[in-house]
C-alpha atoms as a PDB file:
ATOM      1  CA  MET A   1      91.276 -62.765  13.819  1.00  0.00           C
ATOM      2  CA  ILE A   2      89.611 -61.664  10.575  1.00  0.00           C
ATOM      3  CA  THR A   3      91.737 -60.775   7.571  1.00  0.00           C
ATOM      4  CA  ILE A   4      91.116 -59.710   3.995  1.00  0.00           C
ATOM      5  CA  GLU A   5      94.093 -60.166   1.659  1.00  0.00           C
ATOM      6  CA  HIS A   6      94.498 -58.752  -1.845  1.00  0.00           C
ATOM      7  CA  LEU A   7      90.786 -58.352  -2.575  1.00  0.00           C
ATOM      8  CA  SER A   8      90.093 -56.897  -6.015  1.00  0.00           C
ATOM      9  CA  LYS A   9      86.823 -56.359  -7.864  1.00  0.00           C
ATOM     10  CA  ASN A  10      86.094 -55.069 -11.353  1.00  0.00           C
ATOM     11  CA  PHE A  11      82.826 -54.108 -12.979  1.00  0.00           C
ATOM     12  CA  GLN A  12      83.680 -54.553 -16.653  1.00  0.00           C
ATOM     13  CA  GLU A  13      86.691 -52.241 -17.127  1.00  0.00           C
ATOM     14  CA  ASN A  14      86.075 -50.249 -13.951  1.00  0.00           C
ATOM     15  CA  GLN A  15      88.259 -51.407 -11.039  1.00  0.00           C
ATOM     16  CA  VAL A  16      86.187 -50.749  -7.925  1.00  0.00           C
ATOM     17  CA  LEU A  17      88.459 -52.505  -5.406  1.00  0.00           C
ATOM     18  CA  ASP A  18      92.202 -52.567  -5.981  1.00  0.00           C
ATOM     19  CA  ASP A  19      94.267 -55.041  -3.932  1.00  0.00           C
ATOM     20  CA  ILE A  20      92.544 -54.423  -0.590  1.00  0.00           C
ATOM     21  CA  SER A  21      94.159 -55.939   2.517  1.00  0.00           C
ATOM     22  CA  PHE A  22      93.375 -55.313   6.191  1.00  0.00           C
ATOM     23  CA  THR A  23      92.820 -57.018   9.538  1.00  0.00           C
ATOM     24  CA  ILE A  24      89.856 -56.745  11.891  1.00  0.00           C
ATOM     25  CA  ILE A  25      90.507 -57.339  15.581  1.00  0.00           C
ATOM     26  CA  PRO A  26      87.798 -59.431  17.316  1.00  0.00           C
ATOM     27  CA  GLY A  27      85.607 -57.343  19.602  1.00  0.00           C
ATOM     28  CA  GLN A  28      86.475 -54.095  17.849  1.00  0.00           C
ATOM     29  CA  VAL A  29      84.681 -51.792  15.429  1.00  0.00           C
ATOM     30  CA  THR A  30      86.425 -51.088  12.135  1.00  0.00           C
ATOM     31  CA  ALA A  31      84.957 -48.222  10.114  1.00  0.00           C
ATOM     32  CA  LEU A  32      85.270 -47.710   6.375  1.00  0.00           C
ATOM     33  CA  ILE A  33      85.115 -44.069   5.355  1.00  0.00           C
ATOM     34  CA  GLY A  34      85.529 -42.294   2.039  1.00  0.00           C
ATOM     35  CA  SER A  35      83.630 -40.355  -0.572  1.00  0.00           C
ATOM     36  CA  SER A  36      80.757 -41.777  -2.620  1.00  0.00           C
ATOM     37  CA  GLY A  37      82.018 -44.236  -5.204  1.00  0.00           C
ATOM     38  CA  ALA A  38      85.181 -45.074  -3.263  1.00  0.00           C
ATOM     39  CA  GLY A  39      84.177 -48.756  -3.061  1.00  0.00           C
ATOM     40  CA  LYS A  40      83.006 -49.006   0.557  1.00  0.00           C
ATOM     41  CA  SER A  41      79.686 -50.771  -0.050  1.00  0.00           C
ATOM     42  CA  THR A  42      81.202 -53.005  -2.727  1.00  0.00           C
ATOM     43  CA  LEU A  43      83.830 -54.080  -0.204  1.00  0.00           C
ATOM     44  CA  LEU A  44      81.174 -55.111   2.318  1.00  0.00           C
ATOM     45  CA  ARG A  45      79.114 -56.866  -0.336  1.00  0.00           C
ATOM     46  CA  SER A  46      82.189 -58.731  -1.565  1.00  0.00           C
ATOM     47  CA  ILE A  47      82.987 -59.968   1.927  1.00  0.00           C
ATOM     48  CA  ASN A  48      79.469 -61.414   2.235  1.00  0.00           C
ATOM     49  CA  PHE A  49      79.409 -62.617  -1.412  1.00  0.00           C
ATOM     50  CA  LEU A  50      76.535 -60.414  -2.482  1.00  0.00           C
ATOM     51  CA  GLU A  51      79.152 -59.480  -5.064  1.00  0.00           C
ATOM     52  CA  ARG A  52      81.885 -61.950  -5.941  1.00  0.00           C
ATOM     53  CA  GLY A  53      85.370 -60.509  -5.866  1.00  0.00           C
ATOM     54  CA  ASP A  54      87.741 -61.300  -8.700  1.00  0.00           C
ATOM     55  CA  SER A  55      90.545 -62.294  -6.345  1.00  0.00           C
ATOM     56  CA  GLY A  56      91.446 -62.324  -2.675  1.00  0.00           C
ATOM     57  CA  ILE A  57      91.591 -64.437   0.466  1.00  0.00           C
ATOM     58  CA  LEU A  58      89.223 -64.111   3.428  1.00  0.00           C
ATOM     59  CA  THR A  59      90.173 -65.624   6.776  1.00  0.00           C
ATOM     60  CA  LEU A  60      87.729 -65.834   9.675  1.00  0.00           C
ATOM     61  CA  ASP A  61      89.488 -67.534  12.599  1.00  0.00           C
ATOM     62  CA  ASP A  62      90.339 -70.985  11.179  1.00  0.00           C
ATOM     63  CA  PHE A  63      88.015 -70.605   8.181  1.00  0.00           C
ATOM     64  CA  ARG A  64      89.958 -69.632   5.046  1.00  0.00           C
ATOM     65  CA  LEU A  65      88.301 -68.893   1.734  1.00  0.00           C
ATOM     66  CA  ASP A  66      89.655 -68.175  -1.737  1.00  0.00           C
ATOM     67  CA  ILE A  67      87.147 -65.553  -2.860  1.00  0.00           C
ATOM     68  CA  ALA A  68      87.414 -66.273  -6.583  1.00  0.00           C
ATOM     69  CA  LYS A  69      87.080 -70.055  -6.190  1.00  0.00           C
ATOM     70  CA  ALA A  70      84.522 -70.280  -3.362  1.00  0.00           C
ATOM     71  CA  LYS A  71      81.711 -72.754  -3.958  1.00  0.00           C
ATOM     72  CA  LYS A  72      78.118 -72.466  -2.786  1.00  0.00           C
ATOM     73  CA  ARG A  73      78.755 -74.549   0.346  1.00  0.00           C
ATOM     74  CA  ASP A  74      81.729 -72.336   1.242  1.00  0.00           C
ATOM     75  CA  ILE A  75      79.621 -69.196   0.922  1.00  0.00           C
ATOM     76  CA  LEU A  76      76.883 -70.715   3.091  1.00  0.00           C
ATOM     77  CA  ALA A  77      79.473 -71.641   5.736  1.00  0.00           C
ATOM     78  CA  LEU A  78      80.739 -68.047   5.699  1.00  0.00           C
ATOM     79  CA  ARG A  79      77.254 -66.576   5.990  1.00  0.00           C
ATOM     80  CA  GLN A  80      76.575 -68.756   9.015  1.00  0.00           C
ATOM     81  CA  GLN A  81      79.339 -66.800  10.749  1.00  0.00           C
ATOM     82  CA  THR A  82      78.491 -63.304   9.502  1.00  0.00           C
ATOM     83  CA  ALA A  83      75.457 -61.033   9.358  1.00  0.00           C
ATOM     84  CA  MET A  84      74.704 -57.868   7.416  1.00  0.00           C
ATOM     85  CA  VAL A  85      72.599 -54.769   8.025  1.00  0.00           C
ATOM     86  CA  PHE A  86      71.613 -52.915   4.850  1.00  0.00           C
ATOM     87  CA  GLN A  87      70.755 -49.325   4.018  1.00  0.00           C
ATOM     88  CA  GLN A  88      67.159 -50.190   3.121  1.00  0.00           C
ATOM     89  CA  PHE A  89      66.369 -52.534   6.065  1.00  0.00           C
ATOM     90  CA  ASN A  90      65.449 -55.487   3.778  1.00  0.00           C
ATOM     91  CA  LEU A  91      62.792 -56.817   6.146  1.00  0.00           C
ATOM     92  CA  PHE A  92      60.265 -59.383   4.975  1.00  0.00           C
ATOM     93  CA  GLN A  93      57.115 -57.317   4.566  1.00  0.00           C
ATOM     94  CA  ARG A  94      54.728 -60.203   5.228  1.00  0.00           C
ATOM     95  CA  MET A  95      56.436 -61.133   8.488  1.00  0.00           C
ATOM     96  CA  THR A  96      56.085 -59.430  11.844  1.00  0.00           C
ATOM     97  CA  ALA A  97      59.092 -57.930  13.586  1.00  0.00           C
ATOM     98  CA  LEU A  98      59.387 -61.093  15.679  1.00  0.00           C
ATOM     99  CA  GLU A  99      59.137 -63.384  12.648  1.00  0.00           C
ATOM    100  CA  ASN A 100      61.782 -61.353  10.821  1.00  0.00           C
ATOM    101  CA  VAL A 101      64.244 -61.887  13.654  1.00  0.00           C
ATOM    102  CA  MET A 102      63.329 -65.570  13.998  1.00  0.00           C
ATOM    103  CA  GLU A 103      63.699 -66.393  10.306  1.00  0.00           C
ATOM    104  CA  GLY A 104      67.495 -66.636  10.108  1.00  0.00           C
ATOM    105  CA  LEU A 105      67.710 -68.553  13.372  1.00  0.00           C
ATOM    106  CA  ILE A 106      65.385 -71.200  11.963  1.00  0.00           C
ATOM    107  CA  SER A 107      66.459 -71.361   8.306  1.00  0.00           C
ATOM    108  CA  VAL A 108      70.218 -70.787   8.678  1.00  0.00           C
ATOM    109  CA  LYS A 109      71.060 -71.876  12.221  1.00  0.00           C
ATOM    110  CA  GLY A 110      68.533 -74.738  12.309  1.00  0.00           C
ATOM    111  CA  ILE A 111      67.189 -73.685  15.709  1.00  0.00           C
ATOM    112  CA  SER A 112      63.719 -74.862  16.754  1.00  0.00           C
ATOM    113  CA  LYS A 113      60.858 -72.404  16.415  1.00  0.00           C
ATOM    114  CA  ALA A 114      60.313 -72.283  20.181  1.00  0.00           C
ATOM    115  CA  GLU A 115      63.964 -71.518  20.929  1.00  0.00           C
ATOM    116  CA  ALA A 116      64.164 -69.035  18.054  1.00  0.00           C
ATOM    117  CA  LYS A 117      61.211 -67.138  19.495  1.00  0.00           C
ATOM    118  CA  ILE A 118      62.910 -66.778  22.873  1.00  0.00           C
ATOM    119  CA  LEU A 119      66.166 -65.572  21.305  1.00  0.00           C
ATOM    120  CA  ALA A 120      64.351 -63.184  18.955  1.00  0.00           C
ATOM    121  CA  GLN A 121      62.317 -61.658  21.764  1.00  0.00           C
ATOM    122  CA  LYS A 122      65.500 -61.097  23.762  1.00  0.00           C
ATOM    123  CA  GLN A 123      67.087 -59.204  20.852  1.00  0.00           C
ATOM    124  CA  LEU A 124      63.960 -57.133  20.248  1.00  0.00           C
ATOM    125  CA  GLU A 125      63.990 -56.236  23.929  1.00  0.00           C
ATOM    126  CA  ASN A 126      67.652 -55.228  23.614  1.00  0.00           C
ATOM    127  CA  VAL A 127      66.793 -52.769  20.831  1.00  0.00           C
ATOM    128  CA  GLY A 128      63.730 -51.482  22.675  1.00  0.00           C
ATOM    129  CA  LEU A 129      61.091 -53.001  20.396  1.00  0.00           C
ATOM    130  CA  LEU A 130      59.676 -55.975  22.272  1.00  0.00           C
ATOM    131  CA  GLU A 131      56.308 -54.252  22.566  1.00  0.00           C
ATOM    132  CA  ARG A 132      56.186 -54.065  18.755  1.00  0.00           C
ATOM    133  CA  GLN A 133      57.086 -57.693  18.117  1.00  0.00           C
ATOM    134  CA  ASP A 134      53.743 -58.364  16.392  1.00  0.00           C
ATOM    135  CA  PHE A 135      53.889 -55.290  14.141  1.00  0.00           C
ATOM    136  CA  TYR A 136      54.530 -55.633  10.413  1.00  0.00           C
ATOM    137  CA  PRO A 137      57.230 -53.438   8.844  1.00  0.00           C
ATOM    138  CA  LYS A 138      54.684 -51.101   7.240  1.00  0.00           C
ATOM    139  CA  HIS A 139      53.475 -50.166  10.727  1.00  0.00           C
ATOM    140  CA  LEU A 140      56.985 -49.328  11.982  1.00  0.00           C
ATOM    141  CA  SER A 141      58.972 -46.145  11.462  1.00  0.00           C
ATOM    142  CA  GLY A 142      62.160 -46.265   9.438  1.00  0.00           C
ATOM    143  CA  GLY A 143      64.231 -46.145  12.597  1.00  0.00           C
ATOM    144  CA  GLN A 144      62.243 -48.971  14.129  1.00  0.00           C
ATOM    145  CA  GLN A 145      62.611 -51.081  10.983  1.00  0.00           C
ATOM    146  CA  GLN A 146      66.363 -50.612  11.046  1.00  0.00           C
ATOM    147  CA  ARG A 147      66.487 -51.576  14.707  1.00  0.00           C
ATOM    148  CA  VAL A 148      64.574 -54.759  13.858  1.00  0.00           C
ATOM    149  CA  ALA A 149      67.146 -55.413  11.121  1.00  0.00           C
ATOM    150  CA  ILE A 150      69.951 -54.948  13.641  1.00  0.00           C
ATOM    151  CA  ALA A 151      68.186 -57.262  16.112  1.00  0.00           C
ATOM    152  CA  ARG A 152      67.868 -59.848  13.331  1.00  0.00           C
ATOM    153  CA  ALA A 153      71.612 -59.628  12.643  1.00  0.00           C
ATOM    154  CA  LEU A 154      72.648 -59.730  16.302  1.00  0.00           C
ATOM    155  CA  ALA A 155      70.412 -62.737  16.974  1.00  0.00           C
ATOM    156  CA  MET A 156      72.655 -64.761  14.673  1.00  0.00           C
ATOM    157  CA  LYS A 157      75.608 -64.183  17.055  1.00  0.00           C
ATOM    158  CA  PRO A 158      77.878 -63.408  14.100  1.00  0.00           C
ATOM    159  CA  LYS A 159      81.648 -63.459  14.320  1.00  0.00           C
ATOM    160  CA  LEU A 160      81.517 -60.436  12.018  1.00  0.00           C
ATOM    161  CA  LEU A 161      78.675 -57.926  11.708  1.00  0.00           C
ATOM    162  CA  LEU A 162      78.661 -55.898   8.487  1.00  0.00           C
ATOM    163  CA  LEU A 163      76.789 -52.582   8.518  1.00  0.00           C
ATOM    164  CA  ASP A 164      76.351 -50.751   5.224  1.00  0.00           C
ATOM    165  CA  GLU A 165      75.346 -47.117   5.788  1.00  0.00           C
ATOM    166  CA  PRO A 166      72.694 -48.157   8.335  1.00  0.00           C
ATOM    167  CA  THR A 167      71.343 -44.613   8.768  1.00  0.00           C
ATOM    168  CA  SER A 168      71.483 -43.281   5.198  1.00  0.00           C
ATOM    169  CA  ALA A 169      67.813 -44.043   4.430  1.00  0.00           C
ATOM    170  CA  LEU A 170      66.503 -42.459   7.630  1.00  0.00           C
ATOM    171  CA  ASP A 171      65.093 -39.048   8.346  1.00  0.00           C
ATOM    172  CA  PRO A 172      67.517 -37.024  10.505  1.00  0.00           C
ATOM    173  CA  GLU A 173      65.377 -37.302  13.642  1.00  0.00           C
ATOM    174  CA  LEU A 174      65.498 -41.124  13.450  1.00  0.00           C
ATOM    175  CA  VAL A 175      69.261 -41.449  13.038  1.00  0.00           C
ATOM    176  CA  GLY A 176      70.062 -41.150  16.734  1.00  0.00           C
ATOM    177  CA  GLU A 177      68.028 -44.158  17.851  1.00  0.00           C
ATOM    178  CA  VAL A 178      69.778 -46.425  15.339  1.00  0.00           C
ATOM    179  CA  LEU A 179      73.241 -45.124  16.191  1.00  0.00           C
ATOM    180  CA  ASP A 180      72.510 -45.688  19.877  1.00  0.00           C
ATOM    181  CA  THR A 181      71.573 -49.295  19.094  1.00  0.00           C
ATOM    182  CA  ILE A 182      74.817 -49.866  17.194  1.00  0.00           C
ATOM    183  CA  LYS A 183      76.843 -48.224  19.957  1.00  0.00           C
ATOM    184  CA  LYS A 184      75.223 -50.498  22.537  1.00  0.00           C
ATOM    185  CA  ALA A 185      76.092 -53.563  20.444  1.00  0.00           C
ATOM    186  CA  SER A 186      79.696 -52.382  20.136  1.00  0.00           C
ATOM    187  CA  HIS A 187      79.928 -52.168  23.920  1.00  0.00           C
ATOM    188  CA  GLU A 188      78.691 -55.774  24.099  1.00  0.00           C
ATOM    189  CA  GLY A 189      81.763 -56.911  22.190  1.00  0.00           C
ATOM    190  CA  TYR A 190      80.408 -57.575  18.714  1.00  0.00           C
ATOM    191  CA  THR A 191      83.032 -57.407  15.968  1.00  0.00           C
ATOM    192  CA  MET A 192      81.866 -54.925  13.343  1.00  0.00           C
ATOM    193  CA  LEU A 193      82.842 -53.616   9.943  1.00  0.00           C
ATOM    194  CA  LEU A 194      80.904 -50.387   9.525  1.00  0.00           C
ATOM    195  CA  VAL A 195      80.394 -48.162   6.516  1.00  0.00           C
ATOM    196  CA  SER A 196      79.032 -44.789   7.584  1.00  0.00           C
ATOM    197  CA  HIS A 197      78.990 -41.163   6.493  1.00  0.00           C
ATOM    198  CA  GLU A 198      78.247 -40.123  10.108  1.00  0.00           C
ATOM    199  CA  MET A 199      81.778 -39.021  10.913  1.00  0.00           C
ATOM    200  CA  SER A 200      80.912 -37.859  14.402  1.00  0.00           C
ATOM    201  CA  PHE A 201      79.581 -41.324  15.197  1.00  0.00           C
ATOM    202  CA  VAL A 202      82.571 -43.064  13.595  1.00  0.00           C
ATOM    203  CA  HIS A 203      84.873 -40.879  15.692  1.00  0.00           C
ATOM    204  CA  LYS A 204      83.108 -42.006  18.870  1.00  0.00           C
ATOM    205  CA  VAL A 205      82.488 -45.713  18.227  1.00  0.00           C
ATOM    206  CA  ALA A 206      85.258 -47.004  15.937  1.00  0.00           C
ATOM    207  CA  ASP A 207      88.508 -48.539  17.147  1.00  0.00           C
ATOM    208  CA  GLN A 208      90.085 -48.611  13.685  1.00  0.00           C
ATOM    209  CA  VAL A 209      89.420 -46.482  10.603  1.00  0.00           C
ATOM    210  CA  LEU A 210      90.186 -47.351   6.990  1.00  0.00           C
ATOM    211  CA  PHE A 211      90.036 -44.531   4.446  1.00  0.00           C
ATOM    212  CA  LEU A 212      89.169 -45.689   0.931  1.00  0.00           C
ATOM    213  CA  ASP A 213      89.829 -43.597  -2.132  1.00  0.00           C
ATOM    214  CA  GLN A 214      89.292 -44.816  -5.693  1.00  0.00           C
ATOM    215  CA  GLY A 215      89.185 -48.432  -4.614  1.00  0.00           C
ATOM    216  CA  LYS A 216      92.334 -48.370  -2.472  1.00  0.00           C
ATOM    217  CA  ILE A 217      92.951 -48.110   1.252  1.00  0.00           C
ATOM    218  CA  ILE A 218      95.234 -45.109   1.315  1.00  0.00           C
ATOM    219  CA  GLU A 219      95.253 -44.601   5.080  1.00  0.00           C
ATOM    220  CA  SER A 220      94.465 -46.755   8.108  1.00  0.00           C
ATOM    221  CA  GLY A 221      95.066 -46.664  11.813  1.00  0.00           C
ATOM    222  CA  ASN A 222      93.412 -46.171  15.155  1.00  0.00           C
ATOM    223  CA  THR A 223      90.568 -43.691  15.113  1.00  0.00           C
ATOM    224  CA  TYR A 224      92.388 -40.946  16.978  1.00  0.00           C
ATOM    225  CA  ASP A 225      95.363 -40.984  14.622  1.00  0.00           C
ATOM    226  CA  VAL A 226      93.288 -40.976  11.436  1.00  0.00           C
ATOM    227  CA  PHE A 227      90.976 -38.204  12.589  1.00  0.00           C
ATOM    228  CA  GLU A 228      93.420 -36.043  14.492  1.00  0.00           C
ATOM    229  CA  ASN A 229      96.647 -36.636  12.592  1.00  0.00           C
ATOM    230  CA  PRO A 230      95.957 -37.935   9.069  1.00  0.00           C
ATOM    231  CA  LYS A 231      99.116 -38.472   7.047  1.00  0.00           C
ATOM    232  CA  GLN A 232      97.721 -38.425   3.520  1.00  0.00           C
ATOM    233  CA  LYS A 233      96.701 -35.207   1.795  1.00  0.00           C
ATOM    234  CA  ARG A 234      93.553 -36.834   0.404  1.00  0.00           C
ATOM    235  CA  THR A 235      92.479 -37.946   3.892  1.00  0.00           C
ATOM    236  CA  LYS A 236      92.943 -34.410   5.175  1.00  0.00           C
ATOM    237  CA  GLN A 237      90.846 -33.039   2.311  1.00  0.00           C
ATOM    238  CA  PHE A 238      88.046 -35.504   2.994  1.00  0.00           C
ATOM    239  CA  LEU A 239      87.943 -34.921   6.738  1.00  0.00           C
ATOM    240  CA  SER A 240      88.268 -31.140   6.545  1.00  0.00           C
ATOM    241  CA  THR A 241      84.602 -30.741   5.565  1.00  0.00           C
ATOM    242  CA  TYR A 242      83.554 -32.633   8.691  1.00  0.00           C
ATOM    243  CA  TYR A 243      85.804 -30.698  11.012  1.00  0.00           C
ATOM    244  CA  LYS A 244      83.957 -27.539   9.981  1.00  0.00           C
ATOM    245  CA  SER A 245      80.612 -29.143  10.855  1.00  0.00           C
ATOM    246  CA  TYR A 246      81.504 -30.874  14.116  1.00  0.00           C
ATOM    247  CA  GLY A 247      83.349 -28.105  15.894  1.00  0.00           C
ATOM    248  CA  PRO A 248      86.830 -27.448  17.239  1.00  0.00           C
ATOM    249  CA  GLU A 249      87.189 -30.781  19.047  1.00  0.00           C
ATOM    250  CA  TYR A 250      87.579 -32.440  15.628  1.00  0.00           C
ATOM    251  CA  ILE A 251      90.036 -29.945  14.206  1.00  0.00           C
ATOM    252  CA  ILE A 252      93.653 -31.055  13.945  1.00  0.00           C
END
């Protein structure tokens, strides 16, 4: 079980996260939705300590961490159990696709180079890019780079996979291939916390939806209930624009 309890984060006098608490069920996909500036990306970055929260407790199975007091060794221990996919791919430009996927296995997991190569090739095959294992990022499309980034994350066998708007930097025609890759991983039982503005995709892949507004979770529940029967007026306002785009099957 993965839980976040009373997570708060301020940037100077601006409270970006306000007493956030929720639970993620292993093997399920939890989606964070909300308007720009609601705190979704900051929440993901705080969980992985790319931003340090001001307060809160993170529990990952039997690993419990006081976010405000965590030391460097605690953060490293957490990152050995999590992986993150970013908006901008964040691949090492001087490494091939294969080397990018191998890097974390060697430097974080301490796996031998030979074993890391086998595992990395398997993940690249899973995302349909084995034939491009020797290509550098500059010779890959945006969609292919993001699929390499996903392969790199999945290779770590994380207990929690964090995905921060994984399609936002892609041209529309490349979005589908990345979403298909994420959907495949969800079917393989990976536990995910996903930030996405692709509401149609969230509707199809998520088991649980959390709606953030001004740094607070104001509505949460299973995907059907949040999309088809939202209780909060603000949730209804947010989703109404998507219902118009996605057709009658999304209309309450």
